[in-house]
C-alpha atoms as a PDB file:
ATOM      1  CA  MET A   1     136.138 115.028 141.001  1.00  0.00           C
ATOM      2  CA  LYS A   2     133.607 113.237 143.144  1.00  0.00           C
ATOM      3  CA  ASP A   3     135.913 111.627 145.655  1.00  0.00           C
ATOM      4  CA  GLY A   4     135.330 114.015 148.543  1.00  0.00           C
ATOM      5  CA  ARG A   5     138.216 116.333 147.718  1.00  0.00           C
ATOM      6  CA  ASN A   6     137.830 120.079 147.497  1.00  0.00           C
ATOM      7  CA  LYS A   7     136.810 121.719 144.236  1.00  0.00           C
ATOM      8  CA  ILE A   8     139.865 122.270 142.051  1.00  0.00           C
ATOM      9  CA  ASP A   9     141.158 125.799 141.523  1.00  0.00           C
ATOM     10  CA  THR A  10     141.446 125.476 137.750  1.00  0.00           C
ATOM     11  CA  SER A  11     143.586 128.609 137.398  1.00  0.00           C
ATOM     12  CA  ARG A  12     146.166 127.258 139.839  1.00  0.00           C
ATOM     13  CA  LEU A  13     146.001 123.835 138.200  1.00  0.00           C
ATOM     14  CA  ALA A  14     146.600 125.417 134.764  1.00  0.00           C
ATOM     15  CA  ARG A  15     149.653 127.316 136.022  1.00  0.00           C
ATOM     16  CA  ASN A  16     151.047 124.227 137.760  1.00  0.00           C
ATOM     17  CA  LEU A  17     150.513 121.956 134.755  1.00  0.00           C
ATOM     18  CA  LYS A  18     152.338 124.357 132.452  1.00  0.00           C
ATOM     19  CA  LYS A  19     155.165 124.934 134.935  1.00  0.00           C
ATOM     20  CA  LEU A  20     155.628 121.199 135.587  1.00  0.00           C
ATOM     21  CA  ARG A  21     155.620 120.427 131.866  1.00  0.00           C
ATOM     22  CA  GLN A  22     158.250 123.075 131.245  1.00  0.00           C
ATOM     23  CA  GLU A  23     160.333 121.990 134.237  1.00  0.00           C
ATOM     24  CA  ALA A  24     160.176 118.428 132.901  1.00  0.00           C
ATOM     25  CA  ASN A  25     161.364 119.855 129.549  1.00  0.00           C
ATOM     26  CA  LEU A  26     158.353 118.365 127.726  1.00  0.00           C
ATOM     27  CA  THR A  27     156.252 119.699 124.892  1.00  0.00           C
ATOM     28  CA  ILE A  28     152.487 119.164 124.749  1.00  0.00           C
ATOM     29  CA  SER A  29     153.241 116.286 122.346  1.00  0.00           C
ATOM     30  CA  GLY A  30     155.568 114.779 124.923  1.00  0.00           C
ATOM     31  CA  VAL A  31     152.941 114.907 127.669  1.00  0.00           C
ATOM     32  CA  HIS A  32     150.408 113.378 125.255  1.00  0.00           C
ATOM     33  CA  ALA A  33     152.806 110.532 124.436  1.00  0.00           C
ATOM     34  CA  ALA A  34     153.453 109.891 128.131  1.00  0.00           C
ATOM     35  CA  THR A  35     149.850 110.149 129.354  1.00  0.00           C
ATOM     36  CA  ARG A  36     147.656 109.519 126.277  1.00  0.00           C
ATOM     37  CA  ILE A  37     145.651 112.646 127.143  1.00  0.00           C
ATOM     38  CA  SER A  38     144.770 114.398 123.884  1.00  0.00           C
ATOM     39  CA  GLU A  39     146.909 117.382 122.913  1.00  0.00           C
ATOM     40  CA  ASP A  40     143.828 119.599 122.571  1.00  0.00           C
ATOM     41  CA  HIS A  41     142.698 118.685 126.083  1.00  0.00           C
ATOM     42  CA  LEU A  42     146.211 119.322 127.450  1.00  0.00           C
ATOM     43  CA  ARG A  43     146.271 122.782 125.838  1.00  0.00           C
ATOM     44  CA  ARG A  44     142.859 123.611 127.312  1.00  0.00           C
ATOM     45  CA  LEU A  45     143.944 122.426 130.767  1.00  0.00           C
ATOM     46  CA  GLU A  46     146.990 124.728 130.652  1.00  0.00           C
ATOM     47  CA  LYS A  47     144.950 127.804 129.707  1.00  0.00           C
ATOM     48  CA  ILE A  48     143.914 129.735 132.802  1.00  0.00           C
ATOM     49  CA  GLU A  49     140.871 131.248 131.123  1.00  0.00           C
ATOM     50  CA  ASN A  50     139.342 127.889 130.104  1.00  0.00           C
ATOM     51  CA  GLN A  51     138.342 126.788 133.625  1.00  0.00           C
ATOM     52  CA  ILE A  52     138.276 123.075 132.748  1.00  0.00           C
ATOM     53  CA  SER A  53     138.184 120.542 135.591  1.00  0.00           C
ATOM     54  CA  PRO A  54     139.875 117.263 134.670  1.00  0.00           C
ATOM     55  CA  ASN A  55     138.483 113.881 135.673  1.00  0.00           C
ATOM     56  CA  SER A  56     140.208 111.648 138.213  1.00  0.00           C
ATOM     57  CA  SER A  57     142.044 109.512 135.624  1.00  0.00           C
ATOM     58  CA  THR A  58     143.509 112.653 134.021  1.00  0.00           C
ATOM     59  CA  ILE A  59     144.642 113.941 137.422  1.00  0.00           C
ATOM     60  CA  GLN A  60     146.166 110.541 138.209  1.00  0.00           C
ATOM     61  CA  ALA A  61     148.124 110.599 134.941  1.00  0.00           C
ATOM     62  CA  PHE A  62     149.690 113.946 135.929  1.00  0.00           C
ATOM     63  CA  LEU A  63     150.429 112.755 139.489  1.00  0.00           C
ATOM     64  CA  THR A  64     152.274 109.745 138.067  1.00  0.00           C
ATOM     65  CA  LEU A  65     154.108 111.619 135.306  1.00  0.00           C
ATOM     66  CA  TYR A  66     155.389 114.435 137.514  1.00  0.00           C
ATOM     67  CA  ASP A  67     155.649 112.491 140.803  1.00  0.00           C
ATOM     68  CA  VAL A  68     153.617 115.081 142.707  1.00  0.00           C
ATOM     69  CA  SER A  69     150.857 114.848 145.293  1.00  0.00           C
ATOM     70  CA  TYR A  70     147.263 115.793 144.594  1.00  0.00           C
ATOM     71  CA  ASN A  71     147.609 118.785 146.947  1.00  0.00           C
ATOM     72  CA  SER A  72     150.795 120.007 145.254  1.00  0.00           C
ATOM     73  CA  LEU A  73     149.217 119.814 141.826  1.00  0.00           C
ATOM     74  CA  THR A  74     145.850 121.348 142.621  1.00  0.00           C
ATOM     75  CA  MET A  75     146.229 123.521 145.717  1.00  0.00           C
ATOM     76  CA  LYS A  76     149.772 124.851 145.972  1.00  0.00           C
ATOM     77  CA  GLU A  77     151.346 127.674 144.014  1.00  0.00           C
ATOM     78  CA  ASN A  78     154.484 126.750 142.081  1.00  0.00           C
ATOM     79  CA  ALA A  79     154.303 122.965 142.183  1.00  0.00           C
ATOM     80  CA  LYS A  80     157.678 121.282 141.706  1.00  0.00           C
ATOM     81  CA  LEU A  81     158.554 117.940 140.137  1.00  0.00           C
ATOM     82  CA  GLY A  82     158.800 115.150 142.677  1.00  0.00           C
ATOM     83  CA  ALA A  83     162.146 113.962 143.948  1.00  0.00           C
ATOM     84  CA  ALA A  84     161.953 110.649 142.093  1.00  0.00           C
ATOM     85  CA  PRO A  85     159.919 110.998 138.879  1.00  0.00           C
ATOM     86  CA  THR A  86     160.684 107.439 137.754  1.00  0.00           C
ATOM     87  CA  PHE A  87     157.884 107.346 135.176  1.00  0.00           C
ATOM     88  CA  LEU A  88     159.115 110.631 133.678  1.00  0.00           C
ATOM     89  CA  ASP A  89     162.745 109.482 133.684  1.00  0.00           C
ATOM     90  CA  LYS A  90     161.798 106.209 131.979  1.00  0.00           C
ATOM     91  CA  PHE A  91     159.719 108.068 129.383  1.00  0.00           C
ATOM     92  CA  LYS A  92     162.634 110.414 128.616  1.00  0.00           C
ATOM     93  CA  LYS A  93     165.105 107.557 128.356  1.00  0.00           C
ATOM     94  CA  ASN A  94     162.841 105.585 125.998  1.00  0.00           C
ATOM     95  CA  ASN A  95     162.043 108.606 123.815  1.00  0.00           C
ATOM     96  CA  ILE A  96     165.292 110.594 123.862  1.00  0.00           C
ATOM     97  CA  THR A  97     165.542 110.649 120.070  1.00  0.00           C
ATOM     98  CA  THR A  98     161.999 111.995 119.544  1.00  0.00           C
ATOM     99  CA  LYS A  99     162.792 115.714 119.479  1.00  0.00           C
ATOM    100  CA  ALA A 100     159.109 116.678 119.179  1.00  0.00           C
ATOM    101  CA  TYR A 101     158.568 115.504 122.764  1.00  0.00           C
ATOM    102  CA  PHE A 102     161.115 117.845 124.317  1.00  0.00           C
ATOM    103  CA  LEU A 103     161.434 121.590 124.621  1.00  0.00           C
ATOM    104  CA  SER A 104     164.276 123.111 122.681  1.00  0.00           C
ATOM    105  CA  ASN A 105     167.008 125.186 124.310  1.00  0.00           C
ATOM    106  CA  LYS A 106     165.171 128.268 123.014  1.00  0.00           C
ATOM    107  CA  SER A 107     162.504 127.592 125.648  1.00  0.00           C
ATOM    108  CA  ILE A 108     164.972 127.683 128.534  1.00  0.00           C
ATOM    109  CA  PRO A 109     164.994 131.512 128.841  1.00  0.00           C
ATOM    110  CA  LYS A 110     161.200 131.460 129.115  1.00  0.00           C
ATOM    111  CA  LEU A 111     161.313 128.737 131.768  1.00  0.00           C
ATOM    112  CA  LEU A 112     163.966 130.674 133.695  1.00  0.00           C
ATOM    113  CA  SER A 113     162.175 134.006 133.490  1.00  0.00           C
ATOM    114  CA  GLU A 114     158.881 132.510 134.677  1.00  0.00           C
ATOM    115  CA  THR A 115     160.523 130.777 137.625  1.00  0.00           C
ATOM    116  CA  LEU A 116     163.047 133.445 138.604  1.00  0.00           C
ATOM    117  CA  LYS A 117     160.634 136.378 138.621  1.00  0.00           C
ATOM    118  CA  GLU A 118     158.828 134.790 141.578  1.00  0.00           C
ATOM    119  CA  HIS A 119     161.925 133.675 143.486  1.00  0.00           C
ATOM    120  CA  PRO A 120     162.700 136.042 146.399  1.00  0.00           C
ATOM    121  CA  GLN A 121     166.466 135.400 146.262  1.00  0.00           C
ATOM    122  CA  MET A 122     166.613 136.930 142.765  1.00  0.00           C
ATOM    123  CA  ARG A 123     166.281 140.415 144.253  1.00  0.00           C
ATOM    124  CA  LYS A 124     169.622 139.896 146.017  1.00  0.00           C
ATOM    125  CA  GLY A 125     171.119 137.821 143.214  1.00  0.00           C
ATOM    126  CA  MET A 126     172.000 134.231 142.402  1.00  0.00           C
ATOM    127  CA  THR A 127     174.831 132.470 140.603  1.00  0.00           C
ATOM    128  CA  VAL A 128     174.315 129.985 137.780  1.00  0.00           C
ATOM    129  CA  SER A 129     174.935 127.063 140.142  1.00  0.00           C
ATOM    130  CA  GLU A 130     172.352 128.405 142.609  1.00  0.00           C
ATOM    131  CA  ILE A 131     169.825 128.857 139.811  1.00  0.00           C
ATOM    132  CA  LEU A 132     170.451 125.283 138.637  1.00  0.00           C
ATOM    133  CA  THR A 133     169.357 124.000 142.068  1.00  0.00           C
ATOM    134  CA  LEU A 134     165.872 125.386 141.365  1.00  0.00           C
ATOM    135  CA  PHE A 135     165.505 122.834 138.541  1.00  0.00           C
ATOM    136  CA  PRO A 136     166.824 119.566 139.983  1.00  0.00           C
ATOM    137  CA  ASN A 137     164.888 117.361 137.551  1.00  0.00           C
ATOM    138  CA  ALA A 138     165.020 119.497 134.408  1.00  0.00           C
ATOM    139  CA  ARG A 139     168.360 118.061 133.223  1.00  0.00           C
ATOM    140  CA  LEU A 140     169.768 121.503 132.452  1.00  0.00           C
ATOM    141  CA  THR A 141     173.496 122.108 132.142  1.00  0.00           C
ATOM    142  CA  SER A 142     175.290 125.159 133.499  1.00  0.00           C
ATOM    143  CA  LYS A 143     176.166 126.135 129.928  1.00  0.00           C
ATOM    144  CA  GLN A 144     172.497 126.044 128.875  1.00  0.00           C
ATOM    145  CA  VAL A 145     171.506 128.136 131.895  1.00  0.00           C
ATOM    146  CA  SER A 146     174.387 130.600 131.371  1.00  0.00           C
ATOM    147  CA  ASN A 147     173.397 131.125 127.739  1.00  0.00           C
ATOM    148  CA  ALA A 148     169.749 131.592 128.664  1.00  0.00           C
ATOM    149  CA  LEU A 149     170.675 134.070 131.411  1.00  0.00           C
ATOM    150  CA  LYS A 150     172.799 136.054 128.931  1.00  0.00           C
ATOM    151  CA  GLN A 151     169.743 136.318 126.680  1.00  0.00           C
ATOM    152  CA  LEU A 152     167.673 137.609 129.582  1.00  0.00           C
ATOM    153  CA  VAL A 153     170.380 140.177 130.389  1.00  0.00           C
ATOM    154  CA  LYS A 154     170.353 141.342 126.744  1.00  0.00           C
ATOM    155  CA  LYS A 155     166.581 141.773 126.978  1.00  0.00           C
ATOM    156  CA  ASN A 156     167.170 143.862 130.126  1.00  0.00           C
ATOM    157  CA  TYR A 157     165.068 141.434 132.183  1.00  0.00           C
ATOM    158  CA  LEU A 158     168.042 140.565 134.414  1.00  0.00           C
ATOM    159  CA  LEU A 159     171.090 142.446 135.646  1.00  0.00           C
ATOM    160  CA  ARG A 160     174.497 140.747 135.715  1.00  0.00           C
ATOM    161  CA  GLU A 161     177.214 141.673 138.183  1.00  0.00           C
ATOM    162  CA  ASP A 162     180.817 140.520 138.511  1.00  0.00           C
ATOM    163  CA  PRO A 163     181.495 141.226 142.206  1.00  0.00           C
ATOM    164  CA  ALA A 164     185.002 139.719 142.212  1.00  0.00           C
ATOM    165  CA  GLY A 165     185.968 141.286 138.880  1.00  0.00           C
ATOM    166  CA  THR A 166     187.228 137.930 137.606  1.00  0.00           C
ATOM    167  CA  LYS A 167     184.680 137.394 134.812  1.00  0.00           C
ATOM    168  CA  SER A 168     184.221 133.840 136.021  1.00  0.00           C
ATOM    169  CA  VAL A 169     181.309 133.932 138.495  1.00  0.00           C
ATOM    170  CA  TYR A 170     178.436 136.292 137.827  1.00  0.00           C
ATOM    171  CA  ILE A 171     175.521 137.241 140.041  1.00  0.00           C
ATOM    172  CA  TYR A 172     172.181 137.569 138.250  1.00  0.00           C
ATOM    173  CA  LYS A 173     169.396 139.747 139.650  1.00  0.00           C
ATOM    174  CA  ILE A 174     165.930 140.751 138.561  1.00  0.00           C
ATOM    175  CA  ASN A 175     166.050 144.191 136.953  1.00  0.00           C
ATOM    176  CA  PRO A 176     163.832 146.238 139.318  1.00  0.00           C
ATOM    177  CA  PHE A 177     163.035 148.695 136.533  1.00  0.00           C
ATOM    178  CA  LYS A 178     161.709 145.920 134.268  1.00  0.00           C
ATOM    179  CA  GLU A 179     159.176 144.419 136.720  1.00  0.00           C
END
C-alpha cells in the first residue's frame, strides 16, 4: 500500500484473515460473495507461505466486512471481529439460506482448538459459557460449543473435569501432554 502506512506483515495478515473468516463463520465462498474478491485470491491471502500484499481496496473490503481497524488486521496478533459488524450481520441475514457461504458445525472444533490453544485461561480451565464469550459475534450456541468440546476431549486435545461432581458444569483445559 502506498498511503504512508508500514509494510504489511503478510504472515500476520494471513493468520488474521483466516481467523476472522472462521470467527465470522464464513467459507471462502461467503467472503467472496460479501467482498467480490476472487476465491483464488482469498485463498492465497490466507496462506502464510504466499507472502501476497493486498491492495488498498482489498484491505478496505476486509475492514468493512469484519469491522476491524487497519492496525488490528495487519499488525496485531489474533484480530477479533469488531463490536458492531453491521455489514457482516446484514450479509448473513440476506444470505442465511445459502449454506455454501457458511462454515458447517464440523468446523467449530477446528475454530475452538485454534483459538483456545493460545488462550492463557485454558491452562487453568474454562466453562462452556466462558468459552462462548471468546466468540461474541460467531453466533455459536452453547450446545454447538459443548459438542465441539466433547470432540476435542475424545481426541485428547482437551481435558474435561467435573469439579462439583454434578455432571452439569464442566471445566475444559488444554491437555498439557498434547501440546
